[in-house]
């Protein structure tokens, strides 16, 4: 019997964009290709980085399916594998903003800025979200 359920709309994208290519400022390093320099990762570091990436992908897919609570859970799992995961923190802040939980969203953005104070995207989001909360 054929599967008759339609797939999600192709035009829907997660709030945070592509996660996998985002460099980590602190914590686990992204998986290295042969051309990258840096200290080699231990097996435990490789497993933790892979687990983080898997949870980020699960979160993105779950978010695309419209399950924000499930996506939030997946991103929190990614943070358990790398407490400094900027992509996970950014995704959580976007979901919290969608749920109009602005103080919590701002807290995640401030944590990102502690790790990467030069992130223009994060500064812009923080400014926009602060303005949104002030206008309410």
Protein backbone atom coordinates (compact mmCIF):
# COMPACT_ATOMS: atom_id res chain seq x y z
CA UNK A 1 0.00 0.00 0.00
CA UNK A 2 1.35 3.42 -0.94
CA UNK A 3 2.04 6.12 1.63
CA UNK A 4 -0.62 8.80 1.05
CA UNK A 5 0.33 11.46 3.58
CA UNK A 6 1.68 14.60 1.85
CA UNK A 7 5.15 15.83 2.71
CA UNK A 8 5.66 19.22 4.45
CA UNK A 9 5.63 22.29 2.27
CA UNK A 10 9.00 22.91 0.65
CA UNK A 11 8.89 26.66 1.28
CA UNK A 12 8.79 26.41 5.07
CA UNK A 13 12.16 26.99 6.73
CA UNK A 14 13.24 26.99 10.37
CA UNK A 15 13.67 30.40 12.00
CA UNK A 16 17.40 30.05 12.41
CA UNK A 17 18.52 28.99 8.94
CA UNK A 18 21.22 26.40 8.28
CA UNK A 19 22.80 25.07 11.47
CA UNK A 20 25.47 22.59 10.47
CA UNK A 21 27.99 25.02 8.98
CA UNK A 22 28.00 27.45 11.94
CA UNK A 23 31.44 27.56 13.56
CA UNK A 24 31.61 27.00 17.30
CA UNK A 25 33.26 29.76 19.30
CA UNK A 26 33.67 27.65 22.41
CA UNK A 27 33.08 24.06 23.45
CA UNK A 28 33.12 21.32 20.86
CA UNK A 29 34.76 22.01 17.58
CA UNK A 30 32.84 21.21 14.40
CA UNK A 31 33.96 18.08 12.64
CA UNK A 32 37.13 18.90 10.73
CA UNK A 33 37.78 18.21 7.08
CA UNK A 34 41.26 17.23 5.96
CA UNK A 35 42.11 20.80 4.94
CA UNK A 36 41.41 22.36 8.36
CA UNK A 37 44.11 22.96 10.94
CA UNK A 38 43.84 22.54 14.68
CA UNK A 39 44.36 19.91 17.34
CA UNK A 40 42.91 16.51 16.47
CA UNK A 41 39.67 15.66 18.21
CA UNK A 42 39.48 12.77 20.64
CA UNK A 43 36.96 10.02 19.99
CA UNK A 44 34.74 11.36 22.80
CA UNK A 45 34.84 14.87 21.27
CA UNK A 46 33.93 13.48 17.85
CA UNK A 47 30.99 11.54 19.29
CA UNK A 48 29.76 14.58 21.24
CA UNK A 49 30.04 16.80 18.13
CA UNK A 50 28.16 14.24 16.03
CA UNK A 51 25.45 13.92 18.68
CA UNK A 52 25.09 17.70 18.77
CA UNK A 53 24.73 17.84 14.98
CA UNK A 54 22.15 15.04 14.96
CA UNK A 55 20.03 16.80 17.60
CA UNK A 56 20.30 20.08 15.66
CA UNK A 57 19.06 18.29 12.54
CA UNK A 58 16.23 16.63 14.45
CA UNK A 59 15.29 20.03 15.88
CA UNK A 60 15.26 21.63 12.44
CA UNK A 61 13.09 18.86 11.00
CA UNK A 62 10.73 18.90 13.96
CA UNK A 63 10.44 22.67 13.67
CA UNK A 64 9.64 22.36 9.96
CA UNK A 65 6.86 19.96 10.88
CA UNK A 66 5.38 22.62 13.17
CA UNK A 67 6.15 20.86 16.46
CA UNK A 68 7.84 23.71 18.35
CA UNK A 69 7.85 21.84 21.68
CA UNK A 70 9.54 18.84 20.06
CA UNK A 71 12.03 21.12 18.32
CA UNK A 72 12.76 22.88 21.61
CA UNK A 73 13.43 19.51 23.23
CA UNK A 74 15.80 18.52 20.42
CA UNK A 75 17.74 21.79 20.67
CA UNK A 76 18.00 21.33 24.44
CA UNK A 77 19.44 17.86 23.77
CA UNK A 78 22.03 19.48 21.49
CA UNK A 79 22.95 21.79 24.38
CA UNK A 80 23.46 18.77 26.61
CA UNK A 81 26.16 17.60 24.21
CA UNK A 82 27.66 21.08 23.81
CA UNK A 83 26.60 23.69 26.35
CA UNK A 84 28.11 26.39 24.10
CA UNK A 85 26.20 25.44 20.94
CA UNK A 86 25.41 28.78 19.35
CA UNK A 87 23.11 27.21 16.71
CA UNK A 88 21.05 25.49 19.44
CA UNK A 89 20.82 28.65 21.54
CA UNK A 90 19.82 30.72 18.52
CA UNK A 91 17.14 28.23 17.49
CA UNK A 92 15.73 28.13 21.02
CA UNK A 93 15.63 31.94 21.16
CA UNK A 94 13.66 32.01 17.89
CA UNK A 95 11.14 29.48 19.18
CA UNK A 96 10.78 31.40 22.43
CA UNK A 97 10.12 34.59 20.48
CA UNK A 98 7.46 32.80 18.43
CA UNK A 99 5.87 31.72 21.71
CA UNK A 100 6.16 35.35 22.91
CA UNK A 101 8.44 34.35 25.79
CA UNK A 102 10.66 37.36 25.20
CA UNK A 103 12.65 37.46 28.48
CA UNK A 104 13.81 33.86 28.00
CA UNK A 105 14.61 34.51 24.33
CA UNK A 106 16.69 37.54 25.30
CA UNK A 107 18.56 35.45 27.87
CA UNK A 108 19.64 32.99 25.17
CA UNK A 109 20.75 35.83 22.89
CA UNK A 110 22.79 37.36 25.71
CA UNK A 111 24.47 33.98 26.26
CA UNK A 112 25.37 33.83 22.57
CA UNK A 113 26.91 37.31 22.80
CA UNK A 114 29.04 36.18 25.76
CA UNK A 115 30.54 33.55 23.45
CA UNK A 116 30.66 35.68 20.28
CA UNK A 117 30.39 39.41 21.03
CA UNK A 118 30.98 40.24 17.34
CA UNK A 119 27.85 38.44 16.09
CA UNK A 120 25.99 41.15 14.20
CA UNK A 121 23.05 38.82 13.59
CA UNK A 122 22.65 38.24 17.32
CA UNK A 123 22.99 41.94 18.15
CA UNK A 124 20.35 42.70 15.52
CA UNK A 125 17.97 40.06 16.89
CA UNK A 126 18.49 41.30 20.43
CA UNK A 127 17.76 44.87 19.41
CA UNK A 128 14.67 43.86 17.46
CA UNK A 129 13.35 41.70 20.29
CA UNK A 130 14.01 44.36 22.92
CA UNK A 131 12.16 46.87 20.78
CA UNK A 132 9.27 44.41 20.36
CA UNK A 133 8.97 43.92 24.11
CA UNK A 134 9.13 47.66 24.80
CA UNK A 135 6.31 48.35 22.31
CA UNK A 136 3.95 45.86 23.95
